[in-house]
Protein backbone atom coordinates (compact mmCIF):
# COMPACT_ATOMS: atom_id res chain seq x y z
CA MET A 1 42.59 -26.32 45.19
CA LYS A 2 38.99 -25.12 45.25
CA SER A 3 40.11 -21.68 44.10
CA LEU A 4 41.99 -23.22 41.19
CA LEU A 5 38.95 -25.33 40.21
CA SER A 6 36.70 -22.27 40.42
CA LEU A 7 39.10 -20.28 38.25
CA LEU A 8 39.25 -23.06 35.68
CA LEU A 9 35.45 -23.33 35.67
CA MET A 10 35.03 -19.57 35.20
CA THR A 11 37.61 -19.61 32.42
CA ALA A 12 35.75 -22.44 30.68
CA VAL A 13 32.45 -20.55 30.93
CA VAL A 14 34.00 -17.36 29.54
CA LEU A 15 35.59 -19.28 26.68
CA ALA A 16 32.29 -21.04 25.94
CA LEU A 17 30.41 -17.74 25.89
CA SER A 18 33.10 -16.15 23.77
CA GLY A 19 32.93 -19.08 21.40
CA SER A 20 29.16 -18.70 21.12
CA ALA A 21 29.52 -14.99 20.40
CA VAL A 22 32.14 -15.68 17.76
CA ALA A 23 29.94 -18.35 16.20
CA ALA A 24 26.98 -15.95 16.16
CA ASP A 25 29.10 -13.20 14.60
CA ASP A 26 30.40 -15.65 12.03
CA ALA A 27 26.87 -16.81 11.16
CA GLN A 28 25.78 -13.21 10.78
CA THR A 29 28.77 -12.39 8.59
CA GLN A 30 28.09 -15.37 6.35
CA TRP A 31 24.44 -14.35 6.02
CA LEU A 32 25.39 -10.74 5.21
CA LYS A 33 27.80 -11.92 2.51
CA LYS A 34 25.22 -14.20 0.94
CA ALA A 35 22.43 -11.62 1.25
CA GLN A 36 24.74 -8.84 0.00
CA LEU A 37 23.71 -6.45 2.75
CA GLY A 38 25.48 -4.17 5.20
CA PRO A 39 29.21 -3.92 4.47
CA TYR A 40 28.83 -6.50 1.68
CA ALA A 41 26.26 -4.60 -0.35
CA PRO A 42 27.46 -4.22 -3.95
CA ALA A 43 27.88 -0.83 -5.60
CA THR A 44 25.28 -1.79 -8.21
CA GLN A 45 22.17 -3.88 -7.51
CA ASP A 46 21.58 -6.77 -9.93
CA TRP A 47 17.81 -6.94 -10.04
CA ASN A 48 17.64 -9.86 -12.45
CA ALA A 49 19.62 -11.94 -9.98
CA ILE A 50 17.60 -10.64 -7.00
CA GLU A 51 14.30 -11.49 -8.67
CA ALA A 52 15.48 -14.97 -9.65
CA ALA A 53 16.70 -15.66 -6.10
CA ALA A 54 13.46 -14.29 -4.64
CA ARG A 55 11.40 -16.70 -6.74
CA GLN A 56 13.53 -19.53 -5.44
CA GLU A 57 12.92 -18.38 -1.86
CA GLY A 58 9.20 -18.44 -2.60
CA LYS A 59 7.85 -16.12 0.07
CA VAL A 60 8.55 -13.09 2.25
CA VAL A 61 7.36 -12.51 5.82
CA LEU A 62 6.35 -8.96 6.77
CA PHE A 63 5.55 -7.37 10.13
CA SER A 64 3.44 -4.35 9.17
CA VAL A 65 2.19 -1.39 11.18
CA SER A 66 -0.50 -0.96 8.51
CA SER A 67 -3.16 -3.50 7.54
CA ARG A 68 -3.10 -2.06 4.02
CA PHE A 69 -0.43 -4.60 3.04
CA ASN A 70 -3.33 -6.93 2.23
CA LYS A 71 -4.09 -4.71 -0.77
CA ILE A 72 -0.78 -5.64 -2.42
CA GLN A 73 -0.55 -9.34 -1.56
CA LYS A 74 -2.18 -10.57 -4.76
CA SER A 75 -0.49 -8.11 -7.10
CA PHE A 76 2.94 -8.88 -5.60
CA LYS A 77 2.47 -12.62 -6.03
CA ASP A 78 1.00 -12.23 -9.52
CA LYS A 79 3.93 -10.09 -10.59
CA TYR A 80 6.80 -12.03 -9.04
CA GLY A 81 5.49 -15.45 -8.04
CA VAL A 82 6.46 -14.76 -4.43
CA GLU A 83 3.97 -15.12 -1.58
CA LEU A 84 3.65 -12.19 0.80
CA VAL A 85 2.87 -13.40 4.31
CA GLY A 86 1.91 -10.31 6.28
CA HIS A 87 1.11 -9.73 9.95
CA ASP A 88 -0.69 -6.58 11.10
CA ILE A 89 1.29 -5.65 14.24
CA THR A 90 1.76 -2.27 15.90
CA SER A 91 5.26 -0.84 15.81
CA ASP A 92 5.79 -1.29 19.56
CA GLU A 93 4.67 -4.91 19.41
CA GLN A 94 6.88 -5.55 16.39
CA VAL A 95 9.94 -4.38 18.29
CA GLU A 96 9.06 -6.51 21.32
CA LYS A 97 8.18 -9.66 19.37
CA TYR A 98 11.06 -9.49 16.93
CA SER A 99 13.57 -8.70 19.70
CA ARG A 100 12.50 -11.80 21.64
CA GLU A 101 12.74 -13.98 18.56
CA HIS A 102 16.14 -12.61 17.59
CA LYS A 103 17.51 -13.16 21.08
CA ALA A 104 16.24 -16.74 20.99
CA GLY A 105 17.90 -17.36 17.62
CA LEU A 106 14.57 -17.60 15.77
CA PHE A 107 15.12 -15.97 12.41
CA GLN A 108 11.74 -16.17 10.68
CA THR A 109 10.79 -12.59 9.79
CA ASP A 110 12.12 -10.77 6.72
CA VAL A 111 10.89 -7.17 6.78
CA LEU A 112 9.68 -4.69 9.38
CA PHE A 113 7.32 -1.94 8.21
CA ASN A 114 7.50 0.26 11.28
CA ASN A 115 7.22 3.79 12.63
CA ALA A 116 8.83 3.33 16.08
CA THR A 117 12.04 4.72 14.64
CA SER A 118 13.43 5.80 18.01
CA GLU A 119 13.54 2.16 19.12
CA LEU A 120 14.97 1.06 15.78
CA HIS A 121 17.61 3.78 15.96
CA GLY A 122 18.46 3.48 19.64
CA LYS A 123 18.37 -0.29 20.16
CA MET A 124 17.98 -2.45 17.10
CA LEU A 125 20.40 -0.71 14.75
CA PRO A 126 23.35 -0.60 17.21
CA ASP A 127 22.75 -4.28 18.05
CA LYS A 128 22.77 -5.18 14.34
CA MET A 129 19.27 -6.63 14.50
CA ILE A 130 18.14 -4.80 11.36
CA TRP A 131 19.74 -3.76 8.08
CA ASN A 132 18.97 -0.86 5.82
CA PHE A 133 18.31 -1.40 2.13
CA VAL A 134 17.61 1.31 -0.46
CA PRO A 135 16.56 0.22 -3.97
CA ASP A 136 18.95 2.08 -6.25
CA GLN A 137 16.34 3.23 -8.74
CA PHE A 138 14.62 5.39 -6.11
CA ALA A 139 17.68 6.79 -4.36
CA ARG A 140 17.76 10.00 -6.41
CA PHE A 141 14.20 10.86 -5.36
CA LEU A 142 14.96 10.67 -1.64
CA ASP A 143 16.59 13.12 0.76
CA GLU A 144 19.62 11.82 2.62
CA SER A 145 17.56 11.52 5.81
CA GLU A 146 15.12 9.32 3.90
CA LYS A 147 17.88 6.90 2.92
CA ASN A 148 19.92 6.81 6.10
CA PRO A 149 19.79 5.30 8.65
CA PHE A 150 16.53 3.84 7.29
CA LEU A 151 14.58 3.82 4.05
CA VAL A 152 11.53 6.03 4.55
CA GLN A 153 8.50 4.86 2.59
CA ARG A 154 6.14 7.64 3.65
CA TRP A 155 5.64 10.44 6.13
CA SER A 156 2.70 10.02 8.47
CA SER A 157 1.57 12.51 11.09
CA ARG A 158 -0.63 13.12 14.08
CA VAL A 159 -2.69 16.26 13.51
CA PHE A 160 -5.41 18.38 15.09
CA VAL A 161 -8.78 18.03 13.32
CA TYR A 162 -12.24 19.58 13.66
CA ASN A 163 -15.77 18.92 12.39
CA SER A 164 -16.10 20.93 9.19
CA ALA A 165 -19.86 20.27 8.92
CA LEU A 166 -20.61 21.84 12.29
CA TYR A 167 -18.04 24.60 11.74
CA PRO A 168 -18.50 25.51 8.05
CA SER A 169 -16.81 28.91 8.51
CA GLY A 170 -13.57 27.37 9.77
CA PRO A 171 -12.04 25.69 12.80
CA PRO A 172 -13.16 26.69 16.30
CA ILE A 173 -9.54 26.97 17.40
CA LYS A 174 -6.56 28.57 15.67
CA ASN A 175 -3.90 28.26 18.35
CA ILE A 176 -2.61 25.12 20.06
CA TRP A 177 -3.04 26.83 23.44
CA THR A 178 -6.80 27.34 22.97
CA VAL A 179 -7.51 23.74 23.97
CA THR A 180 -5.93 24.41 27.37
CA ARG A 181 -8.62 26.95 28.26
CA PRO A 182 -11.23 25.89 30.87
CA GLU A 183 -14.08 25.89 28.33
CA TRP A 184 -12.33 23.14 26.36
CA LYS A 185 -12.03 20.69 29.25
CA GLY A 186 -13.46 17.36 28.11
CA LYS A 187 -13.86 18.64 24.55
CA VAL A 188 -10.50 17.65 23.10
CA LEU A 189 -9.58 14.05 22.32
CA THR A 190 -6.14 12.47 22.19
CA PRO A 191 -4.72 8.96 21.78
CA ASP A 192 -2.88 7.42 24.72
CA PRO A 193 0.19 9.63 25.30
CA SER A 194 2.32 6.58 26.15
CA GLY A 195 1.83 4.91 22.74
CA ALA A 196 4.77 5.14 20.35
CA ALA A 197 3.26 7.47 17.74
CA MET A 198 1.64 9.80 20.27
CA ALA A 199 4.75 9.86 22.45
CA ASN A 200 6.69 10.84 19.31
CA ALA A 201 4.25 13.69 18.75
CA PHE A 202 4.30 15.04 22.29
CA GLN A 203 8.07 14.61 22.69
CA THR A 204 8.52 16.57 19.48
CA ILE A 205 6.33 19.39 20.79
CA LEU A 206 8.38 19.33 24.00
CA ASN A 207 11.44 19.87 21.80
CA HIS A 208 10.07 23.27 20.65
CA PRO A 209 9.75 25.31 23.85
CA ASN A 210 10.51 28.70 22.24
CA GLU A 211 7.85 28.33 19.55
CA MET A 212 5.34 27.23 22.20
CA ALA A 213 6.17 30.28 24.32
CA SER A 214 5.58 32.59 21.34
CA ALA A 215 2.28 30.88 20.58
CA TYR A 216 1.19 31.40 24.20
CA GLU A 217 1.76 35.15 23.89
CA LYS A 218 -0.30 35.24 20.68
CA GLU A 219 -3.16 33.43 22.43
CA PHE A 220 -3.15 35.22 25.80
CA GLY A 221 -1.41 38.52 25.02
CA GLN A 222 1.28 38.21 27.68
CA PRO A 223 4.41 36.16 28.44
CA ILE A 224 3.83 32.74 29.96
CA LYS A 225 4.12 32.11 33.70
CA LEU A 226 5.22 28.58 34.41
CA SER A 227 3.68 26.36 37.04
CA SER A 228 5.80 25.04 39.89
CA GLY A 229 8.23 22.36 38.71
CA ILE A 230 7.65 23.08 35.03
CA LYS A 231 10.79 23.92 33.02
CA ASN A 232 9.45 25.60 29.87
CA ALA A 233 6.40 26.57 27.83
CA ALA A 234 6.19 23.25 26.00
CA GLU A 235 5.99 21.33 29.28
CA GLU A 236 3.40 23.79 30.55
CA TRP A 237 1.29 23.24 27.45
CA LEU A 238 1.44 19.45 27.70
CA MET A 239 0.50 19.51 31.37
CA ARG A 240 -2.49 21.79 30.76
CA PHE A 241 -3.50 19.91 27.63
CA LEU A 242 -3.55 16.49 29.29
CA LYS A 243 -5.57 17.88 32.19
CA ASN A 244 -8.21 19.02 29.67
CA ALA A 245 -8.05 16.09 27.26
CA VAL A 246 -10.05 12.88 27.05
CA ILE A 247 -7.88 9.89 26.17
CA SER A 248 -9.47 7.76 23.46
CA PRO A 249 -8.63 4.11 22.78
CA SER A 250 -7.90 4.62 19.08
CA THR A 251 -7.36 7.18 16.34
CA ASP A 252 -10.34 5.65 14.50
CA LYS A 253 -12.61 6.49 17.43
CA ILE A 254 -11.25 10.04 17.54
CA PHE A 255 -11.87 10.53 13.83
CA GLU A 256 -15.45 9.30 14.21
CA SER A 257 -16.11 11.27 17.41
CA VAL A 258 -14.87 14.49 15.86
CA GLY A 259 -16.32 13.99 12.39
CA ASP A 260 -19.81 12.66 13.21
CA VAL A 261 -22.17 15.17 11.55
CA LYS A 262 -25.22 14.15 13.62
CA GLN A 263 -23.94 15.55 16.92
CA LYS A 264 -24.87 19.02 18.16
CA GLU A 265 -21.48 20.00 19.54
CA ALA A 266 -18.30 18.38 18.24
CA PRO A 267 -14.97 18.07 20.02
CA VAL A 268 -11.63 18.65 18.36
CA GLY A 269 -9.00 15.96 18.48
CA ILE A 270 -5.63 14.59 17.50
CA THR A 271 -5.70 11.70 15.09
CA THR A 272 -3.61 10.15 12.34
CA PHE A 273 -3.74 12.41 9.28
CA SER A 274 -4.42 9.48 6.96
CA LYS A 275 -7.63 8.59 8.84
CA LEU A 276 -9.17 11.52 6.98
CA ARG A 277 -9.13 9.43 3.82
CA ASP A 278 -12.36 7.96 5.29
CA VAL A 279 -14.22 11.28 5.24
CA LYS A 280 -17.73 10.72 3.89
CA LYS A 281 -20.00 13.70 3.27
CA GLY A 282 -23.09 13.56 5.46
CA VAL A 283 -21.57 10.94 7.75
CA PHE A 284 -18.05 11.80 8.93
CA GLU A 285 -16.63 15.20 8.05
CA ALA A 286 -13.33 15.99 9.75
CA THR A 287 -10.72 18.44 8.45
CA PRO A 288 -7.17 19.28 9.57
CA ILE A 289 -6.61 22.65 11.24
CA PHE A 290 -3.91 23.51 8.71
CA ASP A 291 -3.28 27.08 9.92
CA MET A 292 -3.13 26.41 13.66
CA GLU A 293 -0.36 28.25 15.55
CA PRO A 294 2.45 27.31 15.84
CA VAL A 295 1.89 23.84 14.36
CA PHE A 296 -1.04 21.63 13.42
CA GLY A 297 0.74 18.30 13.59
CA VAL A 298 3.87 16.24 14.09
CA GLY A 299 5.31 14.10 11.30
CA TYR A 300 7.06 10.79 11.66
CA PRO A 301 8.48 8.39 9.08
CA THR A 302 7.26 4.88 8.39
CA VAL A 303 10.29 2.86 7.35
CA LEU A 304 11.19 -0.44 5.74
CA VAL A 305 14.10 -2.48 7.11
CA ILE A 306 15.38 -6.02 6.54
CA CYS A 307 15.60 -8.25 9.59
CA ASP A 308 18.94 -9.71 10.60
CA ARG A 309 19.40 -13.19 9.15
CA ALA A 310 16.08 -12.98 7.33
CA PRO A 311 15.31 -16.37 5.76
CA HIS A 312 14.23 -14.76 2.48
CA PRO A 313 16.56 -11.77 1.97
CA ASN A 314 16.10 -11.46 -1.79
CA ALA A 315 12.33 -11.61 -1.50
CA ALA A 316 12.68 -8.95 1.20
CA LYS A 317 14.58 -6.69 -1.21
CA LEU A 318 11.98 -7.29 -3.89
CA LEU A 319 9.11 -6.47 -1.54
CA ILE A 320 10.81 -3.25 -0.41
CA ARG A 321 11.31 -2.17 -4.01
CA PHE A 322 7.67 -3.00 -4.77
CA MET A 323 6.41 -1.02 -1.76
CA MET A 324 8.38 1.97 -3.07
CA ASP A 325 7.16 1.87 -6.68
CA GLU A 326 3.94 3.45 -7.94
CA GLU A 327 1.92 0.22 -7.85
CA GLY A 328 3.09 -1.00 -4.47
CA ILE A 329 2.93 2.34 -2.68
CA ALA A 330 -0.59 3.09 -3.93
CA PRO A 331 -2.45 1.91 -0.76
CA TRP A 332 -0.36 4.40 1.25
CA ASN A 333 -0.33 7.25 -1.26
CA VAL A 334 -3.55 8.65 0.19
CA PHE A 335 -4.84 11.83 1.76
CA GLY A 336 -2.79 12.42 4.89
CA ASP A 337 0.15 10.20 4.00
CA TYR A 338 2.95 11.85 2.05
CA PRO A 339 5.17 9.59 -0.10
CA SER A 340 8.87 10.09 0.55
CA ARG A 341 9.63 10.02 -3.17
CA SER A 342 9.92 13.60 -4.38
CA ASP A 343 8.84 12.66 -7.91
CA LEU A 344 5.40 11.65 -6.57
CA GLU A 345 4.75 14.77 -4.49
CA ASP A 346 3.50 17.13 -7.21
CA GLU A 347 0.73 14.75 -8.22
CA HIS A 348 -0.05 14.00 -4.56
CA VAL A 349 -0.45 17.67 -3.67
CA LYS A 350 -2.63 18.34 -6.72
CA LYS A 351 -4.82 15.28 -6.21
CA PHE A 352 -5.51 15.75 -2.50
CA LYS A 353 -5.37 19.56 -2.38
CA VAL A 354 -2.88 19.62 0.48
CA PRO A 355 0.19 21.80 1.03
CA TYR A 356 3.62 20.45 0.16
CA TYR A 357 4.97 18.56 3.11
CA SER A 358 7.93 20.88 3.49
CA LYS A 359 5.58 23.88 3.63
CA ALA A 360 2.97 22.39 5.95
CA LYS A 361 2.92 23.44 9.63
CA ILE A 362 4.32 20.09 10.70
CA TRP A 363 7.26 19.45 13.00
CA ASN A 364 9.19 16.29 12.18
CA SER A 365 10.14 13.99 15.03
CA ASP A 366 13.82 13.29 15.70
CA ALA A 367 14.47 9.59 16.38
CA LYS A 368 17.56 10.21 18.52
CA HIS A 369 15.84 12.86 20.60
CA ILE A 370 12.81 10.61 21.11
CA PHE A 371 14.98 7.71 22.22
CA ASP A 372 17.17 9.83 24.51
CA THR A 373 14.22 11.51 26.24
CA SER A 374 11.70 8.65 26.34
CA TYR A 375 12.21 7.80 30.01
CA ASP A 376 11.96 11.41 31.19
CA TYR A 377 8.90 11.92 29.00
CA LEU A 378 7.02 8.95 30.45
CA GLN A 379 7.93 10.02 33.98
CA PHE A 380 6.58 13.50 33.22
CA VAL A 381 3.33 12.19 31.75
CA MET A 382 2.74 9.85 34.69
CA SER A 383 3.31 12.73 37.10
CA ILE A 384 0.43 14.74 35.61
CA GLY A 385 -2.73 14.37 37.69
CA LYS A 386 -6.16 15.17 36.36
């Protein structure tokens, strides 16, 4: 009798859970149909209807990896009558906060502006927690990888920089292996290697062992000999680099520490390329080491996605279109940030005197690779002793 009661109870629980899952799926489907997203996205976007619906919704809530959203809040509201409520939150924290809210059934965020694409790709996209949306008027200016699986707004990067005031003849290093030499111990700065953007950068370097081996031979004139337990040249470089490096709390601090013109001996460092928009002659003068072998930086996309069951889906679409047009992208179309739109690149290159992104010595991160290797990477980093 007890066995029968237990079986009936378990059956009831399974049916209840199944019913909840069905109800959740049904609610999501209804939202997708109404929002015209995912499998229900129309072949042609009706922007008159989207704008009218967005005005009715009244506002849009944005989680942004960049505080520069505050530069478009007024212009967006003036143009469309829709309030932009933005929150400056790191990509890692966005993923954590939004995931908790979504699991709890709290649907209060509309758009993520995020560069932790490995987490978006590996977790949130398969679980249908986010939805891609590409404004049709910009599609022809984007590569396929910039439209799928996510809309790329810009390409950011972590790059090696030096103090151009103290080294007017050029950078003190020209090879990525130079900073592993004993004389550079304590004179190279890096962000925390466990942070999302820096992990992306180092994991990408680890994905290029052959190029790192060739660069070693150029620097030292002989083939590399690996340390015990090290699998390839890229791992060897990272181990030696982290033993020499000083970990700094922020990319801002690294920019200032490298670029300060009043010091007698400047370090080199890795910082966000776009921090160099704050270069000020006579105060902070930092310059990328563009010609460093085999690479001077690692690129990663910053993407825009719509949150599942966003309360203001039309306002979300409108904001995404605005952040892709010339007016809305302006705060991010700066030195060190490359717009994804190909029609903006010629002017960008001319204005900031930088190489075309495709020709720069930058390795792009691979979201799937980053996600698949994240655990092994963190274990490797933690195993490195000073």
